[in-house]
N, C-alpha and C. Protein backbone atom coordinates (compact mmCIF):
# COMPACT_ATOMS: atom_id res chain seq x y z
N MET A 1 28.97 91.03 167.62
CA MET A 1 29.68 92.26 167.38
C MET A 1 30.33 92.76 168.67
N LYS A 2 31.55 93.24 168.53
CA LYS A 2 32.27 93.74 169.69
C LYS A 2 31.93 95.21 169.94
N ARG A 3 32.31 95.68 171.11
CA ARG A 3 32.12 97.09 171.48
C ARG A 3 32.88 97.97 170.48
N ILE A 4 32.30 99.10 170.12
CA ILE A 4 32.92 100.01 169.17
C ILE A 4 34.17 100.61 169.79
N PRO A 5 35.33 100.45 169.13
CA PRO A 5 36.56 101.03 169.67
C PRO A 5 36.50 102.55 169.62
N GLU A 6 37.02 103.19 170.67
CA GLU A 6 37.07 104.64 170.68
C GLU A 6 38.31 105.13 171.42
N ILE A 7 38.73 106.32 171.02
CA ILE A 7 39.84 106.99 171.69
C ILE A 7 39.41 108.40 172.03
N ASN A 8 40.11 109.03 172.96
CA ASN A 8 39.90 110.43 173.26
C ASN A 8 41.11 111.21 172.79
N VAL A 9 40.85 112.38 172.20
CA VAL A 9 41.90 113.24 171.67
C VAL A 9 41.77 114.62 172.31
N TYR A 10 42.85 115.08 172.93
CA TYR A 10 42.89 116.44 173.46
C TYR A 10 43.32 117.37 172.33
N VAL A 11 42.51 118.37 172.02
CA VAL A 11 42.81 119.29 170.92
C VAL A 11 43.85 120.31 171.40
N ARG A 12 45.01 120.27 170.76
CA ARG A 12 46.09 121.21 171.09
C ARG A 12 45.92 122.50 170.29
N TYR A 13 46.42 123.58 170.82
CA TYR A 13 46.32 124.88 170.17
C TYR A 13 46.92 124.84 168.75
N CYS A 14 48.01 124.11 168.57
CA CYS A 14 48.68 124.05 167.27
C CYS A 14 47.83 123.35 166.21
N GLU A 15 46.74 122.69 166.61
CA GLU A 15 45.86 122.02 165.66
C GLU A 15 44.73 122.93 165.17
N THR A 16 44.73 124.17 165.65
CA THR A 16 43.72 125.13 165.24
C THR A 16 44.30 126.06 164.18
N ASP A 17 43.41 126.86 163.57
CA ASP A 17 43.86 127.78 162.53
C ASP A 17 43.50 129.22 162.89
N ALA A 18 43.68 130.12 161.95
CA ALA A 18 43.44 131.54 162.20
C ALA A 18 41.99 131.83 162.60
N GLY A 19 41.07 130.96 162.22
CA GLY A 19 39.67 131.13 162.61
C GLY A 19 39.40 130.72 164.05
N GLY A 20 40.41 130.13 164.71
CA GLY A 20 40.27 129.72 166.10
C GLY A 20 39.70 128.33 166.30
N HIS A 21 39.30 127.68 165.22
CA HIS A 21 38.77 126.32 165.35
C HIS A 21 39.77 125.32 164.79
N VAL A 22 39.50 124.04 165.03
CA VAL A 22 40.40 122.99 164.57
C VAL A 22 40.52 123.07 163.05
N ASN A 23 41.75 123.06 162.57
CA ASN A 23 42.02 123.10 161.14
C ASN A 23 41.54 121.81 160.49
N ASN A 24 41.04 121.91 159.26
CA ASN A 24 40.48 120.73 158.60
C ASN A 24 41.47 119.58 158.49
N ALA A 25 42.75 119.86 158.29
CA ALA A 25 43.75 118.80 158.16
C ALA A 25 43.92 118.02 159.47
N SER A 26 43.66 118.65 160.60
CA SER A 26 43.84 117.98 161.89
C SER A 26 42.91 116.80 162.07
N TYR A 27 41.72 116.87 161.48
CA TYR A 27 40.77 115.76 161.62
C TYR A 27 41.34 114.46 161.04
N PHE A 28 42.12 114.59 159.97
CA PHE A 28 42.71 113.39 159.38
C PHE A 28 43.78 112.79 160.29
N LEU A 29 44.43 113.63 161.10
CA LEU A 29 45.36 113.11 162.11
C LEU A 29 44.60 112.36 163.20
N TYR A 30 43.45 112.88 163.59
CA TYR A 30 42.64 112.20 164.60
C TYR A 30 42.16 110.85 164.07
N PHE A 31 41.71 110.83 162.81
CA PHE A 31 41.29 109.57 162.20
C PHE A 31 42.44 108.57 162.14
N GLU A 32 43.63 109.06 161.77
CA GLU A 32 44.78 108.18 161.68
C GLU A 32 45.14 107.58 163.04
N GLU A 33 45.11 108.41 164.08
CA GLU A 33 45.40 107.89 165.42
C GLU A 33 44.38 106.82 165.81
N ALA A 34 43.11 107.07 165.53
CA ALA A 34 42.07 106.09 165.87
C ALA A 34 42.26 104.80 165.07
N ARG A 35 42.59 104.92 163.77
CA ARG A 35 42.81 103.73 162.95
C ARG A 35 44.00 102.93 163.44
N THR A 36 45.09 103.62 163.76
CA THR A 36 46.30 102.95 164.24
C THR A 36 46.00 102.15 165.51
N LYS A 37 45.27 102.75 166.42
CA LYS A 37 44.93 102.06 167.66
C LYS A 37 43.93 100.93 167.41
N PHE A 38 43.04 101.12 166.43
CA PHE A 38 42.12 100.05 166.04
C PHE A 38 42.89 98.86 165.49
N PHE A 39 43.86 99.13 164.60
CA PHE A 39 44.69 98.05 164.05
C PHE A 39 45.39 97.31 165.17
N ALA A 40 45.88 98.04 166.17
CA ALA A 40 46.58 97.40 167.29
C ALA A 40 45.64 96.47 168.06
N THR A 41 44.36 96.86 168.21
CA THR A 41 43.41 95.98 168.91
C THR A 41 43.19 94.69 168.13
N LEU A 42 43.42 94.75 166.81
CA LEU A 42 43.28 93.55 165.98
C LEU A 42 44.56 92.73 165.93
N GLY A 43 45.62 93.23 166.57
CA GLY A 43 46.89 92.52 166.56
C GLY A 43 47.79 92.92 165.41
N PHE A 44 47.53 94.08 164.81
CA PHE A 44 48.34 94.56 163.70
C PHE A 44 48.96 95.91 164.03
N GLY A 45 49.51 96.02 165.23
CA GLY A 45 50.20 97.24 165.65
C GLY A 45 51.60 97.28 165.08
N PRO A 46 52.38 98.28 165.43
CA PRO A 46 53.73 98.45 164.87
C PRO A 46 54.64 97.24 165.02
N THR A 47 54.51 96.48 166.10
CA THR A 47 55.40 95.34 166.28
C THR A 47 54.87 94.07 165.60
N GLU A 48 53.59 94.04 165.27
CA GLU A 48 53.01 92.84 164.67
C GLU A 48 52.91 92.91 163.15
N ARG A 49 53.17 94.06 162.54
CA ARG A 49 52.91 94.28 161.12
C ARG A 49 53.90 93.65 160.17
N GLU A 50 54.81 92.85 160.61
CA GLU A 50 55.87 92.37 159.74
C GLU A 50 55.36 91.58 158.55
N HIS A 51 54.22 90.93 158.65
CA HIS A 51 53.74 90.08 157.56
C HIS A 51 52.55 90.68 156.81
N LEU A 52 51.99 91.77 157.30
CA LEU A 52 50.84 92.37 156.65
C LEU A 52 50.93 93.88 156.76
N HIS A 53 50.81 94.54 155.62
CA HIS A 53 50.88 96.00 155.57
C HIS A 53 49.60 96.55 154.97
N PHE A 54 49.29 97.78 155.34
CA PHE A 54 48.10 98.45 154.85
C PHE A 54 48.50 99.77 154.20
N ILE A 55 47.73 100.19 153.22
CA ILE A 55 47.85 101.55 152.69
C ILE A 55 46.46 102.16 152.67
N VAL A 56 46.41 103.47 152.77
CA VAL A 56 45.14 104.18 152.68
C VAL A 56 44.94 104.54 151.21
N ALA A 57 43.86 104.04 150.62
CA ALA A 57 43.58 104.31 149.22
C ALA A 57 42.68 105.53 149.04
N ARG A 58 41.89 105.82 150.05
CA ARG A 58 40.96 106.95 149.97
C ARG A 58 40.56 107.34 151.38
N THR A 59 40.40 108.64 151.59
CA THR A 59 39.90 109.11 152.88
C THR A 59 39.08 110.37 152.66
N GLU A 60 38.08 110.57 153.51
CA GLU A 60 37.22 111.74 153.39
C GLU A 60 36.70 112.15 154.75
N CYS A 61 36.22 113.39 154.81
CA CYS A 61 35.70 113.91 156.08
C CYS A 61 34.57 114.88 155.81
N ASP A 62 33.51 114.74 156.58
CA ASP A 62 32.42 115.70 156.59
C ASP A 62 32.51 116.47 157.90
N PHE A 63 32.62 117.79 157.79
CA PHE A 63 32.74 118.65 158.96
C PHE A 63 31.35 119.10 159.37
N ILE A 64 30.96 118.77 160.59
CA ILE A 64 29.60 119.02 161.05
C ILE A 64 29.52 120.22 161.97
N ALA A 65 30.44 120.30 162.92
CA ALA A 65 30.47 121.42 163.86
C ALA A 65 31.93 121.77 164.15
N GLN A 66 32.15 122.95 164.67
CA GLN A 66 33.51 123.38 164.96
C GLN A 66 34.00 122.79 166.29
N ALA A 67 35.30 122.56 166.35
CA ALA A 67 35.96 122.13 167.59
C ALA A 67 37.07 123.13 167.86
N TYR A 68 37.47 123.23 169.13
CA TYR A 68 38.41 124.27 169.55
C TYR A 68 39.51 123.70 170.44
N ALA A 69 40.58 124.45 170.55
CA ALA A 69 41.69 124.08 171.44
C ALA A 69 41.15 123.86 172.85
N GLY A 70 41.66 122.83 173.48
CA GLY A 70 41.26 122.52 174.85
C GLY A 70 40.10 121.54 174.95
N GLN A 71 39.39 121.33 173.86
CA GLN A 71 38.30 120.36 173.87
C GLN A 71 38.88 118.94 173.88
N ILE A 72 38.11 118.03 174.41
CA ILE A 72 38.46 116.62 174.31
C ILE A 72 37.42 115.98 173.41
N LEU A 73 37.92 115.36 172.35
CA LEU A 73 37.05 114.74 171.36
C LEU A 73 37.13 113.22 171.49
N THR A 74 36.02 112.56 171.23
CA THR A 74 35.98 111.11 171.19
C THR A 74 35.88 110.69 169.74
N VAL A 75 36.75 109.76 169.34
CA VAL A 75 36.75 109.26 167.97
C VAL A 75 36.41 107.77 168.03
N LYS A 76 35.28 107.40 167.41
CA LYS A 76 34.86 106.01 167.32
C LYS A 76 35.24 105.47 165.95
N THR A 77 35.62 104.20 165.90
CA THR A 77 36.01 103.57 164.65
C THR A 77 35.22 102.28 164.45
N MET A 78 34.60 102.17 163.28
CA MET A 78 33.83 100.98 162.93
C MET A 78 34.22 100.53 161.53
N VAL A 79 33.86 99.33 161.18
CA VAL A 79 34.07 98.82 159.83
C VAL A 79 32.72 98.85 159.13
N SER A 80 32.68 99.44 157.93
CA SER A 80 31.41 99.53 157.21
C SER A 80 31.35 98.64 155.98
N LYS A 81 32.51 98.21 155.48
CA LYS A 81 32.52 97.38 154.28
C LYS A 81 33.80 96.55 154.26
N ILE A 82 33.68 95.30 153.83
CA ILE A 82 34.84 94.43 153.68
C ILE A 82 34.80 93.84 152.28
N GLY A 83 35.86 94.06 151.53
CA GLY A 83 35.97 93.51 150.19
C GLY A 83 36.97 92.37 150.16
N THR A 84 37.50 92.10 148.98
CA THR A 84 38.47 91.04 148.82
C THR A 84 39.87 91.46 149.26
N LYS A 85 40.25 92.69 148.88
CA LYS A 85 41.59 93.20 149.20
C LYS A 85 41.55 94.47 150.04
N SER A 86 40.38 95.01 150.25
CA SER A 86 40.27 96.26 151.00
C SER A 86 39.07 96.24 151.92
N TYR A 87 39.07 97.16 152.85
CA TYR A 87 37.94 97.34 153.75
C TYR A 87 37.82 98.82 154.06
N THR A 88 36.64 99.22 154.50
CA THR A 88 36.38 100.62 154.79
C THR A 88 36.11 100.79 156.27
N VAL A 89 36.80 101.73 156.88
CA VAL A 89 36.53 102.08 158.27
C VAL A 89 35.83 103.44 158.28
N VAL A 90 34.93 103.59 159.22
CA VAL A 90 34.18 104.83 159.38
C VAL A 90 34.50 105.39 160.76
N HIS A 91 34.73 106.69 160.80
CA HIS A 91 35.05 107.37 162.07
C HIS A 91 33.96 108.37 162.40
N GLU A 92 33.62 108.46 163.67
CA GLU A 92 32.70 109.47 164.16
C GLU A 92 33.40 110.23 165.28
N ILE A 93 33.45 111.55 165.14
CA ILE A 93 34.06 112.39 166.17
C ILE A 93 32.97 113.17 166.87
N THR A 94 32.97 113.08 168.20
CA THR A 94 32.01 113.83 169.01
C THR A 94 32.76 114.56 170.12
N ASP A 95 32.13 115.57 170.68
CA ASP A 95 32.67 116.24 171.86
C ASP A 95 32.48 115.28 173.03
N MET A 96 33.56 114.97 173.74
CA MET A 96 33.48 113.99 174.82
C MET A 96 32.49 114.42 175.90
N GLU A 97 32.45 115.70 176.21
CA GLU A 97 31.62 116.19 177.31
C GLU A 97 30.14 116.25 176.95
N THR A 98 29.83 116.75 175.75
CA THR A 98 28.43 116.98 175.38
C THR A 98 27.84 115.93 174.45
N GLY A 99 28.71 115.17 173.76
CA GLY A 99 28.22 114.20 172.78
C GLY A 99 27.85 114.81 171.44
N VAL A 100 28.03 116.13 171.29
CA VAL A 100 27.70 116.80 170.04
C VAL A 100 28.59 116.27 168.91
N SER A 101 27.97 115.99 167.77
CA SER A 101 28.70 115.48 166.61
C SER A 101 29.56 116.59 166.00
N ILE A 102 30.84 116.29 165.79
CA ILE A 102 31.80 117.26 165.26
C ILE A 102 32.15 116.94 163.81
N ALA A 103 32.45 115.68 163.51
CA ALA A 103 32.84 115.29 162.15
C ALA A 103 32.63 113.80 161.96
N LYS A 104 32.48 113.42 160.69
CA LYS A 104 32.39 112.01 160.32
C LYS A 104 33.30 111.80 159.13
N GLY A 105 33.95 110.66 159.09
CA GLY A 105 34.85 110.39 157.98
C GLY A 105 34.97 108.91 157.72
N SER A 106 35.69 108.61 156.66
CA SER A 106 35.92 107.21 156.32
C SER A 106 37.26 107.08 155.62
N ALA A 107 37.74 105.85 155.58
CA ALA A 107 38.98 105.55 154.87
C ALA A 107 38.88 104.15 154.28
N VAL A 108 39.33 104.03 153.05
CA VAL A 108 39.42 102.72 152.41
C VAL A 108 40.85 102.24 152.62
N ILE A 109 40.99 101.10 153.26
CA ILE A 109 42.28 100.53 153.61
C ILE A 109 42.52 99.31 152.74
N VAL A 110 43.71 99.24 152.14
CA VAL A 110 44.06 98.14 151.25
C VAL A 110 45.21 97.34 151.86
N CYS A 111 45.08 96.02 151.84
CA CYS A 111 46.20 95.16 152.22
C CYS A 111 47.21 95.21 151.08
N PHE A 112 48.47 95.42 151.41
CA PHE A 112 49.45 95.73 150.37
C PHE A 112 50.77 95.03 150.61
N ASN A 113 51.37 94.52 149.53
CA ASN A 113 52.69 93.89 149.57
C ASN A 113 53.67 94.90 148.98
N TYR A 114 54.53 95.46 149.82
CA TYR A 114 55.47 96.49 149.37
C TYR A 114 56.56 95.93 148.45
N GLN A 115 56.97 94.69 148.66
CA GLN A 115 58.00 94.10 147.80
C GLN A 115 57.49 93.94 146.37
N GLU A 116 56.26 93.48 146.24
CA GLU A 116 55.68 93.26 144.91
C GLU A 116 54.94 94.49 144.39
N GLN A 117 54.75 95.50 145.28
CA GLN A 117 54.04 96.73 144.94
C GLN A 117 52.66 96.46 144.36
N GLN A 118 51.92 95.63 145.09
CA GLN A 118 50.55 95.35 144.66
C GLN A 118 49.68 94.99 145.85
N SER A 119 48.38 95.15 145.65
CA SER A 119 47.44 94.79 146.69
C SER A 119 47.37 93.27 146.81
N VAL A 120 47.00 92.81 148.00
CA VAL A 120 46.90 91.38 148.27
C VAL A 120 45.56 91.12 148.97
N PRO A 121 45.05 89.90 148.88
CA PRO A 121 43.79 89.58 149.55
C PRO A 121 43.89 89.74 151.07
N ILE A 122 42.77 90.12 151.66
CA ILE A 122 42.69 90.19 153.11
C ILE A 122 42.76 88.76 153.65
N PRO A 123 43.70 88.48 154.56
CA PRO A 123 43.76 87.13 155.14
C PRO A 123 42.45 86.77 155.85
N ALA A 124 42.08 85.51 155.80
CA ALA A 124 40.83 85.05 156.41
C ALA A 124 40.76 85.42 157.89
N SER A 125 41.89 85.35 158.60
CA SER A 125 41.88 85.68 160.04
C SER A 125 41.54 87.16 160.26
N LEU A 126 42.10 88.04 159.44
CA LEU A 126 41.79 89.46 159.55
C LEU A 126 40.36 89.72 159.14
N HIS A 127 39.90 89.09 158.08
CA HIS A 127 38.52 89.26 157.62
C HIS A 127 37.54 88.94 158.75
N ALA A 128 37.79 87.84 159.44
CA ALA A 128 36.92 87.44 160.55
C ALA A 128 36.93 88.48 161.67
N MET A 129 38.11 89.03 161.97
CA MET A 129 38.19 90.06 163.01
C MET A 129 37.45 91.33 162.60
N LEU A 130 37.60 91.73 161.34
CA LEU A 130 36.92 92.92 160.84
C LEU A 130 35.41 92.77 160.92
N GLU A 131 34.92 91.58 160.63
CA GLU A 131 33.47 91.33 160.68
C GLU A 131 32.91 91.57 162.07
N GLU A 132 33.72 91.34 163.10
CA GLU A 132 33.27 91.57 164.47
C GLU A 132 33.01 93.04 164.77
N TYR A 133 33.57 93.94 163.94
CA TYR A 133 33.41 95.38 164.14
C TYR A 133 32.53 96.03 163.07
N MET A 134 31.85 95.20 162.29
CA MET A 134 30.96 95.73 161.24
C MET A 134 29.79 96.47 161.85
N GLN A 135 29.50 97.61 161.27
CA GLN A 135 28.36 98.42 161.65
C GLN A 135 27.65 98.84 160.39
N SER A 136 26.37 98.98 160.46
CA SER A 136 25.62 99.51 159.34
C SER A 136 25.58 101.03 159.50
N VAL A 137 26.58 101.68 158.91
CA VAL A 137 26.69 103.14 159.05
C VAL A 137 26.96 103.75 157.69
N SER A 138 26.70 105.03 157.59
CA SER A 138 27.04 105.75 156.37
C SER A 138 27.49 107.15 156.74
N VAL A 139 28.36 107.70 155.93
CA VAL A 139 28.81 109.07 156.13
C VAL A 139 27.80 109.97 155.44
N GLN A 140 27.25 110.93 156.17
CA GLN A 140 26.25 111.83 155.61
C GLN A 140 26.88 112.77 154.60
N LYS A 141 26.24 112.91 153.46
CA LYS A 141 26.69 113.84 152.43
C LYS A 141 25.86 115.10 152.52
N GLY A 142 26.53 116.24 152.40
CA GLY A 142 25.85 117.53 152.54
C GLY A 142 25.16 118.02 151.36
């Protein structure tokens, strides 16, 4: 298993709401940034995607603690499940300075052919790469 990929996100004021904490929709942007960078580490970044495309079929987030403008958050990305045509990534967001858990989420990613408008099997090479990032994790339900 490889080292868990992670990114740091600086929380901008515009990502907060009237309550002064990070707006719930902003967490999905953080997850998307982490996923995009994770895909790039696998060789499926914006310039490499010509032969393989992904769509998000499902995404969810559990909010654990509040985050605020000016904080730096760490977002870790792992693979929790690999199917025939889809796989699930799990994200964990913590405060970079304290390690306090802020949010956990997941996304089901489907390999997709836009010309045929249908899902396609995960290529064996991608499947092997995803297995290197498999973790036995679960998103806590409240």
